[in-house]
Structure formats: structure tokens, C-alpha cells
């Protein structure tokens, strides 16, 4: 889903303005860029939840529970 004509996010709940990003190893090299992106999304009114890709792939129920707790 495209937000602000600039960012593609992994998952979006537009009615409640929540973004869920699933971060794999690539994001370890993008700390500054990811922080900038998150600040911009926050300024647009979105709450950003980051989940490690390993968590999503190996313990999906726990990942879903984390999302639920943050809603």
C-alpha cells in the first residue's frame, strides 16, 4: 500500500492508521533510512509497528498477538 505518494508499507490498517512493517536482514543496513521513514509516517498520523521477519516466519501466532496488543 502506498502512503503519502512516497512509501510502500508491508501492511496497513488505514481506518485506524496503523502500519506493520516486517523487517528482514536488509533493514539492518537501513537504520537511518528506516528511522527517517518512520518519522515521516508518524507525522502523517500513522503508528508504525515493526516486527522481525524471523518472528513472522517462525512464530506467526506470537507476531499476530503483538499486532493485536498494539491495536
C-alpha atoms as a PDB file:
ATOM      1  CA  UNK A   1       0.000   0.000   0.000  1.00  0.00           C
ATOM      2  CA  UNK A   2       1.326   3.425  -0.916  1.00  0.00           C
ATOM      3  CA  UNK A   3       1.242   6.164   1.722  1.00  0.00           C
ATOM      4  CA  UNK A   4       1.802   9.825   1.030  1.00  0.00           C
ATOM      5  CA  UNK A   5       2.759   9.081  -2.584  1.00  0.00           C
ATOM      6  CA  UNK A   6       6.147   8.092  -1.198  1.00  0.00           C
ATOM      7  CA  UNK A   7       6.222   4.955   0.944  1.00  0.00           C
ATOM      8  CA  UNK A   8       5.175   1.399   0.271  1.00  0.00           C
ATOM      9  CA  UNK A   9       4.411  -0.401   3.530  1.00  0.00           C
ATOM     10  CA  UNK A  10       4.099  -4.108   4.239  1.00  0.00           C
ATOM     11  CA  UNK A  11       0.687  -3.998   5.938  1.00  0.00           C
ATOM     12  CA  UNK A  12      -1.691  -1.129   6.521  1.00  0.00           C
ATOM     13  CA  UNK A  13      -4.881  -0.690   8.517  1.00  0.00           C
ATOM     14  CA  UNK A  14      -5.942   2.658   7.021  1.00  0.00           C
ATOM     15  CA  UNK A  15      -9.058   3.191   9.137  1.00  0.00           C
ATOM     16  CA  UNK A  16      -7.001   3.191  12.339  1.00  0.00           C
ATOM     17  CA  UNK A  17      -3.771   4.471  10.728  1.00  0.00           C
ATOM     18  CA  UNK A  18      -1.548   1.565  11.754  1.00  0.00           C
ATOM     19  CA  UNK A  19       1.390   0.372   9.655  1.00  0.00           C
ATOM     20  CA  UNK A  20       3.026  -3.011  10.254  1.00  0.00           C
ATOM     21  CA  UNK A  21       6.499  -3.433   8.820  1.00  0.00           C
ATOM     22  CA  UNK A  22       8.181  -6.836   8.650  1.00  0.00           C
ATOM     23  CA  UNK A  23      11.928  -6.258   8.827  1.00  0.00           C
ATOM     24  CA  UNK A  24      14.376  -8.796   7.462  1.00  0.00           C
ATOM     25  CA  UNK A  25      18.185  -8.663   7.389  1.00  0.00           C
ATOM     26  CA  UNK A  26      18.119  -5.913   4.738  1.00  0.00           C
ATOM     27  CA  UNK A  27      16.858  -3.453   7.342  1.00  0.00           C
ATOM     28  CA  UNK A  28      19.998  -3.832   9.451  1.00  0.00           C
ATOM     29  CA  UNK A  29      21.735  -1.776   6.755  1.00  0.00           C
ATOM     30  CA  UNK A  30      18.920   0.790   6.568  1.00  0.00           C
ATOM     31  CA  UNK A  31      18.662   2.020  10.163  1.00  0.00           C
ATOM     32  CA  UNK A  32      18.918   5.724   9.312  1.00  0.00           C
ATOM     33  CA  UNK A  33      16.613   5.487   6.289  1.00  0.00           C
ATOM     34  CA  UNK A  34      14.059   3.437   8.247  1.00  0.00           C
ATOM     35  CA  UNK A  35      14.096   5.959  11.107  1.00  0.00           C
ATOM     36  CA  UNK A  36      13.517   8.824   8.651  1.00  0.00           C
ATOM     37  CA  UNK A  37      10.687   6.925   7.007  1.00  0.00           C
ATOM     38  CA  UNK A  38       9.094   6.124  10.375  1.00  0.00           C
ATOM     39  CA  UNK A  39       9.270   9.801  11.436  1.00  0.00           C
ATOM     40  CA  UNK A  40       7.539  10.818   8.206  1.00  0.00           C
ATOM     41  CA  UNK A  41       4.809   8.212   8.630  1.00  0.00           C
ATOM     42  CA  UNK A  42       4.318   9.337  12.232  1.00  0.00           C
ATOM     43  CA  UNK A  43       3.961  12.958  11.098  1.00  0.00           C
ATOM     44  CA  UNK A  44       1.253  11.752   8.697  1.00  0.00           C
ATOM     45  CA  UNK A  45      -0.582  10.319  11.719  1.00  0.00           C
ATOM     46  CA  UNK A  46       0.372   6.652  11.376  1.00  0.00           C
ATOM     47  CA  UNK A  47       1.502   4.401  14.191  1.00  0.00           C
ATOM     48  CA  UNK A  48       4.301   2.095  12.990  1.00  0.00           C
ATOM     49  CA  UNK A  49       4.824  -1.388  14.408  1.00  0.00           C
ATOM     50  CA  UNK A  50       7.985  -3.213  13.368  1.00  0.00           C
ATOM     51  CA  UNK A  51       8.212  -6.986  13.530  1.00  0.00           C
ATOM     52  CA  UNK A  52      11.278  -9.083  12.843  1.00  0.00           C
ATOM     53  CA  UNK A  53      10.795 -11.261   9.759  1.00  0.00           C
ATOM     54  CA  UNK A  54      12.061 -14.303  11.664  1.00  0.00           C
ATOM     55  CA  UNK A  55       9.284 -13.844  14.224  1.00  0.00           C
ATOM     56  CA  UNK A  56       6.655 -13.663  11.488  1.00  0.00           C
ATOM     57  CA  UNK A  57       8.044 -16.704   9.674  1.00  0.00           C
ATOM     58  CA  UNK A  58       8.636 -18.962  12.664  1.00  0.00           C
ATOM     59  CA  UNK A  59       6.195 -17.806  15.361  1.00  0.00           C
ATOM     60  CA  UNK A  60       3.273 -16.317  13.492  1.00  0.00           C
ATOM     61  CA  UNK A  61       0.831 -16.593  16.409  1.00  0.00           C
ATOM     62  CA  UNK A  62       3.187 -14.511  18.569  1.00  0.00           C
ATOM     63  CA  UNK A  63       3.569 -11.935  15.788  1.00  0.00           C
ATOM     64  CA  UNK A  64      -0.213 -11.666  15.419  1.00  0.00           C
ATOM     65  CA  UNK A  65      -0.568 -11.268  19.184  1.00  0.00           C
ATOM     66  CA  UNK A  66       1.942  -8.396  19.163  1.00  0.00           C
ATOM     67  CA  UNK A  67      -0.081  -6.669  16.459  1.00  0.00           C
ATOM     68  CA  UNK A  68      -3.308  -7.191  18.439  1.00  0.00           C
ATOM     69  CA  UNK A  69      -1.764  -5.754  21.595  1.00  0.00           C
ATOM     70  CA  UNK A  70      -0.712  -2.656  19.672  1.00  0.00           C
ATOM     71  CA  UNK A  71      -4.138  -2.006  18.221  1.00  0.00           C
END
